[in-house]
Amino acid sequence: MREASTLPVTVEPAPGESGLGCLLRAARANGISLAGLLEALDLPKSPRPTREGLNALAQALDVDPAWLASSTVVACRRGGYGASEWQDRVWTCPLSLRGAHPQVCTDCLREGSPCLIDWELAGCVACLRHPRLLTDGCVHCGRRLSWWRPAIDVCACGHFLSAEPDRPVAGAELLTWIERLVARARGAAVSSSGATQRLPRWIDALSADALLAASFAFGIRREPYERITSTAAIVCPTTLQVARILERGIARILRSGELRERCPSDLGTLVYEEGLQRLWLRGSEQGDRLAAAGLLRWMGCLPRRSRASSGAGEGQQGELFDLELDFG
């Protein structure tokens, strides 16, 4: 990594802007690509820089390193597993954050908006201002968007980004779920709307990362006992695919109620147990792990005993299993 000097043209981070969005704007203002900026600093071409790389980039952009670190998804390891740091917390669900495949609201970009930090959330599949699904592909070349495009509103093929004419409108229930997710990710209070009150109370115990993990586990199967490959469980789907997964997941979570009765057999065949086991084993917060253990027991499954690689000690492991879970 080369010593960084401040770029000739600097840009001020916009309110709510993502770190990579700011980097892309800064590179564009200086007549280079984001890949060219990383190369000039002898940094790897990756949408998830290291901590050291972020410090060099912050110096080059003349921005607060703490802001850039919080606003940019950073790859890390937690207890032997791959994870991410973002918004000052650890994210262990591989499907929680977009990473190499960003999504945008083309309506917002046309109005002069930057790339918003909320769009980094894989579950933020629709714009809360323009209630259409976000765009993660180019209608001209058909490729998925990447951070290596020349500008925030231009595809790598050179065409301005635009939404498909038939881009679906998000339903009220999905928008309410996205509001909850975004508020949880920001550490803000969740508004109490009618649709929010319909959700079972065990949802309130989950972090944003676990809320996504649980929703994927409930919604990733399209039919009973559908086999989910390991690739499908960790590779970020398209925005439209995520929206369909979440719609199914929300409907099934509503059926779960407060977990006072055993999981209905037909619902149990649709929930992806392995996703809940992964949340139990790798969840970054104790409340997330307890919730996953409770859901597994509700389904009639035993949470796996091994938590050695996730960093929980034997005493804590025993405590988690001995604890009586009350979701009522």
Protein backbone atom coordinates (compact mmCIF):
# COMPACT_ATOMS: atom_id res chain seq x y z
CA MET A 1 0.00 0.00 0.00
CA ARG A 2 1.41 3.35 -1.04
CA GLU A 3 1.33 6.46 1.11
CA ALA A 4 -1.83 8.40 0.30
CA SER A 5 -1.95 12.07 -0.60
CA THR A 6 -5.15 14.09 -0.79
CA LEU A 7 -6.84 14.09 -4.18
CA PRO A 8 -6.79 17.38 -6.15
CA VAL A 9 -10.61 17.51 -6.03
CA THR A 10 -12.34 16.47 -2.82
CA VAL A 11 -16.05 15.92 -2.27
CA GLU A 12 -18.05 16.38 0.91
CA PRO A 13 -19.95 13.26 2.06
CA ALA A 14 -23.68 13.82 1.66
CA PRO A 15 -26.15 13.05 4.46
CA GLY A 16 -27.04 9.37 4.41
CA GLU A 17 -24.43 8.55 1.76
CA SER A 18 -22.64 5.22 1.62
CA GLY A 19 -18.88 5.14 1.87
CA LEU A 20 -18.41 3.45 -1.50
CA GLY A 21 -20.84 5.90 -3.10
CA CYS A 22 -18.70 8.78 -1.82
CA LEU A 23 -15.54 7.08 -3.10
CA LEU A 24 -17.11 6.63 -6.53
CA ARG A 25 -18.17 10.30 -6.65
CA ALA A 26 -14.67 11.41 -5.59
CA ALA A 27 -13.00 9.24 -8.23
CA ARG A 28 -15.37 10.62 -10.90
CA ALA A 29 -14.65 14.22 -9.82
CA ASN A 30 -10.93 13.56 -10.35
CA GLY A 31 -11.38 11.96 -13.75
CA ILE A 32 -10.50 8.42 -12.72
CA SER A 33 -12.42 5.25 -11.94
CA LEU A 34 -12.83 3.78 -8.48
CA ALA A 35 -10.67 0.85 -9.63
CA GLY A 36 -8.05 3.36 -10.77
CA LEU A 37 -8.14 5.10 -7.39
CA LEU A 38 -7.58 1.79 -5.57
CA GLU A 39 -4.77 0.87 -7.96
CA ALA A 40 -3.08 4.24 -7.41
CA LEU A 41 -3.03 3.51 -3.68
CA ASP A 42 -1.83 -0.06 -4.28
CA LEU A 43 -5.04 -1.41 -2.75
CA PRO A 44 -6.83 -4.57 -3.93
CA LYS A 45 -9.80 -4.12 -6.26
CA SER A 46 -12.48 -5.12 -3.78
CA PRO A 47 -15.79 -3.54 -2.72
CA ARG A 48 -14.90 -4.49 0.87
CA PRO A 49 -11.65 -2.70 1.76
CA THR A 50 -9.52 -3.58 4.76
CA ARG A 51 -9.21 -1.26 7.75
CA GLU A 52 -5.74 -0.21 6.57
CA GLY A 53 -7.09 0.48 3.10
CA LEU A 54 -9.90 2.60 4.51
CA ASN A 55 -7.40 4.79 6.36
CA ALA A 56 -5.52 5.43 3.11
CA LEU A 57 -8.77 6.17 1.28
CA ALA A 58 -9.93 8.54 4.01
CA GLN A 59 -6.65 10.45 3.70
CA ALA A 60 -6.98 10.58 -0.09
CA LEU A 61 -10.56 11.90 0.16
CA ASP A 62 -9.83 14.14 3.16
CA VAL A 63 -12.81 12.70 5.06
CA ASP A 64 -13.21 11.52 8.64
CA PRO A 65 -11.76 7.96 8.83
CA ALA A 66 -14.37 6.99 11.45
CA TRP A 67 -17.20 8.05 9.12
CA LEU A 68 -15.74 6.14 6.17
CA ALA A 69 -15.20 3.02 8.30
CA SER A 70 -18.78 3.09 9.60
CA SER A 71 -20.29 3.79 6.16
CA THR A 72 -18.36 1.13 4.25
CA VAL A 73 -18.80 -2.64 4.47
CA VAL A 74 -15.52 -4.10 5.74
CA ALA A 75 -14.70 -7.81 5.56
CA CYS A 76 -13.63 -9.38 8.85
CA ARG A 77 -13.44 -12.70 10.66
CA ARG A 78 -15.44 -13.64 13.72
CA GLY A 79 -14.72 -16.87 15.54
CA GLY A 80 -13.33 -18.52 12.41
CA TYR A 81 -16.22 -17.43 10.19
CA GLY A 82 -16.33 -14.76 7.51
CA ALA A 83 -18.30 -11.70 8.60
CA SER A 84 -18.61 -7.98 7.92
CA GLU A 85 -18.34 -4.79 9.92
CA TRP A 86 -20.73 -2.00 8.98
CA GLN A 87 -22.55 0.76 10.84
CA ASP A 88 -20.39 0.04 13.91
CA ARG A 89 -21.62 -3.53 14.34
CA VAL A 90 -20.75 -7.04 13.17
CA TRP A 91 -22.91 -8.75 10.52
CA THR A 92 -22.64 -12.53 10.30
CA CYS A 93 -25.48 -13.41 7.89
CA PRO A 94 -23.87 -13.73 4.43
CA LEU A 95 -27.05 -12.42 2.79
CA SER A 96 -27.50 -9.28 4.92
CA LEU A 97 -25.35 -6.87 2.90
CA ARG A 98 -25.05 -6.29 -0.84
CA GLY A 99 -21.27 -6.15 -1.17
CA ALA A 100 -20.16 -6.50 -4.80
CA HIS A 101 -23.66 -6.11 -6.27
CA PRO A 102 -25.12 -2.70 -5.31
CA GLN A 103 -28.71 -1.62 -5.81
CA VAL A 104 -30.05 1.88 -6.45
CA CYS A 105 -33.26 3.85 -6.80
CA THR A 106 -32.97 5.42 -10.22
CA ASP A 107 -35.68 7.94 -9.30
CA CYS A 108 -33.57 9.14 -6.35
CA LEU A 109 -30.43 9.35 -8.50
CA ARG A 110 -32.27 11.44 -11.10
CA GLU A 111 -33.29 13.82 -8.31
CA GLY A 112 -29.64 14.29 -7.30
CA SER A 113 -29.48 11.83 -4.42
CA PRO A 114 -26.19 10.07 -3.62
CA CYS A 115 -25.94 6.32 -3.22
CA LEU A 116 -27.66 5.91 0.14
CA ILE A 117 -26.16 3.83 2.89
CA ASP A 118 -29.51 2.08 3.46
CA TRP A 119 -29.21 0.54 -0.03
CA GLU A 120 -26.30 -1.56 1.28
CA LEU A 121 -28.87 -3.64 3.18
CA ALA A 122 -29.90 -6.57 1.03
CA GLY A 123 -33.35 -6.44 2.63
CA CYS A 124 -33.86 -2.78 1.70
CA VAL A 125 -35.31 -3.86 -1.64
CA ALA A 126 -37.58 -0.87 -2.21
CA CYS A 127 -37.31 2.89 -1.93
CA LEU A 128 -39.33 4.35 0.92
CA ARG A 129 -39.78 7.61 -1.05
CA HIS A 130 -40.65 6.08 -4.41
CA PRO A 131 -42.25 2.77 -3.44
CA ARG A 132 -40.85 0.75 -6.34
CA LEU A 133 -38.30 -2.01 -6.01
CA LEU A 134 -34.70 -0.88 -6.28
CA THR A 135 -32.68 -1.59 -9.42
CA ASP A 136 -29.60 -3.82 -9.37
CA GLY A 137 -29.17 -4.38 -13.09
CA CYS A 138 -28.86 -2.45 -16.33
CA VAL A 139 -31.81 -2.53 -18.74
CA HIS A 140 -29.42 -1.82 -21.63
CA CYS A 141 -26.72 -4.50 -21.23
CA GLY A 142 -28.51 -6.86 -18.82
CA ARG A 143 -25.58 -7.07 -16.40
CA ARG A 144 -25.81 -6.66 -12.63
CA LEU A 145 -24.54 -3.36 -11.30
CA SER A 146 -21.08 -3.15 -9.78
CA TRP A 147 -19.04 -0.53 -7.97
CA TRP A 148 -16.68 -0.42 -10.94
CA ARG A 149 -19.09 1.63 -13.04
CA PRO A 150 -17.89 5.11 -14.14
CA ALA A 151 -20.42 7.11 -12.09
CA ILE A 152 -23.16 6.47 -9.56
CA ASP A 153 -25.85 6.90 -12.25
CA VAL A 154 -24.01 5.26 -15.17
CA CYS A 155 -23.56 1.54 -15.89
CA ALA A 156 -20.20 0.05 -16.87
CA CYS A 157 -21.64 -0.22 -20.39
CA GLY A 158 -21.85 3.59 -20.57
CA HIS A 159 -25.65 3.98 -20.43
CA PHE A 160 -27.43 6.01 -17.76
CA LEU A 161 -29.19 3.81 -15.24
CA SER A 162 -32.93 3.52 -15.58
CA ALA A 163 -35.54 1.25 -14.06
CA GLU A 164 -37.46 -1.30 -16.06
CA PRO A 165 -40.83 0.12 -17.19
CA ASP A 166 -42.62 -2.70 -15.34
CA ARG A 167 -40.55 -2.49 -12.15
CA PRO A 168 -42.88 -3.79 -9.42
CA VAL A 169 -44.36 -1.51 -6.79
CA ALA A 170 -43.66 -2.67 -3.23
CA GLY A 171 -46.66 -3.61 -1.11
CA ALA A 172 -47.50 -1.88 2.17
CA GLU A 173 -46.46 -4.88 4.29
CA LEU A 174 -43.04 -5.11 2.63
CA LEU A 175 -42.47 -1.36 2.99
CA THR A 176 -43.36 -1.54 6.68
CA TRP A 177 -40.90 -4.41 7.13
CA ILE A 178 -38.18 -2.36 5.35
CA GLU A 179 -38.88 0.61 7.66
CA ARG A 180 -38.36 -1.70 10.64
CA LEU A 181 -35.14 -3.10 9.15
CA VAL A 182 -33.67 0.34 8.36
CA ALA A 183 -34.58 1.68 11.81
CA ARG A 184 -32.99 -1.36 13.47
CA ALA A 185 -29.82 -0.97 11.38
CA ARG A 186 -29.59 2.70 12.37
CA GLY A 187 -30.23 1.92 16.03
CA ALA A 188 -33.41 4.02 15.93
CA ALA A 189 -36.79 3.33 17.47
CA VAL A 190 -39.25 1.32 15.37
CA SER A 191 -42.49 3.15 14.63
CA SER A 192 -45.63 1.42 15.85
CA SER A 193 -47.93 1.22 12.84
CA GLY A 194 -50.83 -1.15 12.36
CA ALA A 195 -48.79 -3.38 10.06
CA THR A 196 -45.88 -3.40 12.53
CA GLN A 197 -48.17 -4.42 15.38
CA ARG A 198 -49.22 -7.49 13.40
CA LEU A 199 -45.68 -8.90 13.59
CA PRO A 200 -45.03 -11.31 16.49
CA ARG A 201 -43.18 -9.89 19.47
CA TRP A 202 -40.21 -12.25 19.14
CA ILE A 203 -39.16 -10.14 16.15
CA ASP A 204 -38.40 -7.28 18.56
CA ALA A 205 -35.53 -9.29 20.10
CA LEU A 206 -33.63 -9.47 16.79
CA SER A 207 -30.88 -7.23 15.50
CA ALA A 208 -31.11 -6.06 11.87
CA ASP A 209 -28.70 -8.83 10.86
CA ALA A 210 -30.78 -11.51 12.60
CA LEU A 211 -34.05 -10.04 11.28
CA LEU A 212 -32.71 -10.60 7.76
CA ALA A 213 -31.37 -14.06 8.61
CA ALA A 214 -34.71 -15.17 10.09
CA SER A 215 -36.71 -13.71 7.21
CA PHE A 216 -34.51 -15.54 4.71
CA ALA A 217 -34.87 -18.78 6.67
CA PHE A 218 -38.67 -18.43 6.65
CA GLY A 219 -38.92 -17.35 3.00
CA ILE A 220 -36.12 -18.86 0.92
CA ARG A 221 -38.05 -22.07 0.19
CA ARG A 222 -40.68 -21.74 -2.52
CA GLU A 223 -42.19 -25.15 -1.82
CA PRO A 224 -42.12 -27.72 1.00
CA TYR A 225 -38.80 -29.47 1.58
CA GLU A 226 -37.15 -27.60 -1.30
CA ARG A 227 -33.44 -28.35 -1.28
CA ILE A 228 -31.38 -25.18 -0.74
CA THR A 229 -27.82 -25.45 -2.02
CA SER A 230 -24.98 -23.98 0.02
CA THR A 231 -24.37 -21.48 -2.79
CA ALA A 232 -27.99 -20.26 -2.73
CA ALA A 233 -27.71 -19.76 1.02
CA ILE A 234 -24.70 -17.44 0.83
CA VAL A 235 -24.66 -15.76 -2.60
CA CYS A 236 -26.54 -12.48 -2.77
CA PRO A 237 -29.66 -12.92 -4.94
CA THR A 238 -31.02 -10.17 -7.18
CA THR A 239 -33.16 -7.46 -5.63
CA LEU A 240 -36.30 -8.96 -7.16
CA GLN A 241 -35.42 -12.40 -5.81
CA VAL A 242 -34.82 -10.97 -2.33
CA ALA A 243 -38.18 -9.16 -2.48
CA ARG A 244 -39.98 -12.41 -3.27
CA ILE A 245 -38.10 -14.24 -0.47
CA LEU A 246 -39.03 -11.51 2.01
CA GLU A 247 -42.68 -11.49 0.96
CA ARG A 248 -42.89 -15.24 1.58
CA GLY A 249 -40.91 -14.90 4.80
CA ILE A 250 -43.10 -12.14 6.20
CA ALA A 251 -46.29 -14.10 5.45
CA ARG A 252 -44.88 -17.19 7.20
CA ILE A 253 -43.55 -15.20 10.18
CA LEU A 254 -47.05 -13.80 10.66
CA ARG A 255 -48.29 -17.39 10.86
CA SER A 256 -45.77 -18.22 13.60
CA GLY A 257 -47.60 -16.08 16.15
CA GLU A 258 -45.92 -15.84 19.54
CA LEU A 259 -44.47 -19.39 19.40
CA ARG A 260 -46.81 -20.57 22.18
CA GLU A 261 -47.91 -23.60 20.15
CA ARG A 262 -45.75 -26.04 18.21
CA CYS A 263 -44.99 -25.09 14.61
CA PRO A 264 -47.76 -26.25 12.23
CA SER A 265 -46.46 -29.18 10.20
CA ASP A 266 -47.10 -27.53 6.84
CA LEU A 267 -45.21 -24.39 7.94
CA GLY A 268 -42.30 -26.43 9.28
CA THR A 269 -41.70 -27.96 5.85
CA LEU A 270 -41.24 -24.46 4.41
CA VAL A 271 -38.80 -23.04 6.98
CA TYR A 272 -35.11 -23.54 6.18
CA GLU A 273 -33.79 -25.07 9.40
CA GLU A 274 -30.14 -24.70 8.38
CA GLY A 275 -30.55 -20.93 8.23
CA LEU A 276 -31.75 -20.85 11.84
CA GLN A 277 -28.96 -23.22 12.91
CA ARG A 278 -26.45 -20.84 11.30
CA LEU A 279 -27.97 -17.92 13.19
CA TRP A 280 -27.75 -19.90 16.46
CA LEU A 281 -24.12 -20.85 15.82
CA ARG A 282 -22.86 -17.56 14.38
CA GLY A 283 -25.17 -14.79 15.58
CA SER A 284 -23.13 -11.84 16.80
CA GLU A 285 -25.53 -10.94 19.64
CA GLN A 286 -26.78 -13.17 22.43
CA GLY A 287 -30.40 -12.12 21.85
CA ASP A 288 -30.13 -13.29 18.24
CA ARG A 289 -28.77 -16.68 19.27
CA LEU A 290 -31.46 -17.14 21.93
CA ALA A 291 -34.17 -16.27 19.42
CA ALA A 292 -32.74 -18.75 16.91
CA ALA A 293 -32.63 -21.46 19.59
CA GLY A 294 -36.25 -20.74 20.51
CA LEU A 295 -37.35 -20.92 16.86
CA LEU A 296 -35.56 -24.24 16.38
CA ARG A 297 -37.23 -25.71 19.47
CA TRP A 298 -40.58 -24.38 18.26
CA MET A 299 -39.97 -26.33 15.03
CA GLY A 300 -39.15 -29.47 17.04
CA CYS A 301 -35.42 -29.28 16.23
CA LEU A 302 -32.48 -29.26 18.62
CA PRO A 303 -30.00 -26.38 18.35
CA ARG A 304 -26.58 -27.84 17.63
CA ARG A 305 -24.34 -28.11 20.64
CA SER A 306 -21.10 -27.04 18.99
CA ARG A 307 -20.42 -23.33 19.34
CA ALA A 308 -16.66 -23.58 19.79
CA SER A 309 -15.79 -21.82 16.53
CA SER A 310 -18.15 -18.91 17.18
CA GLY A 311 -16.35 -17.87 20.31
CA ALA A 312 -18.90 -18.81 23.00
CA GLY A 313 -17.37 -20.44 26.03
CA GLU A 314 -18.61 -23.66 27.52
CA GLY A 315 -20.21 -21.83 30.45
CA GLN A 316 -22.13 -19.50 28.17
CA GLN A 317 -23.16 -22.41 25.96
CA GLY A 318 -24.63 -24.25 28.94
CA GLU A 319 -26.38 -21.08 30.08
CA LEU A 320 -28.01 -20.62 26.69
CA PHE A 321 -29.33 -24.17 26.66
CA ASP A 322 -30.53 -24.11 30.26
CA LEU A 323 -32.37 -20.80 29.84
CA GLU A 324 -36.13 -21.10 29.59
CA LEU A 325 -37.16 -19.05 26.58
CA ASP A 326 -40.33 -17.02 26.94
CA PHE A 327 -41.56 -15.33 23.76
CA GLY A 328 -44.99 -14.59 25.17
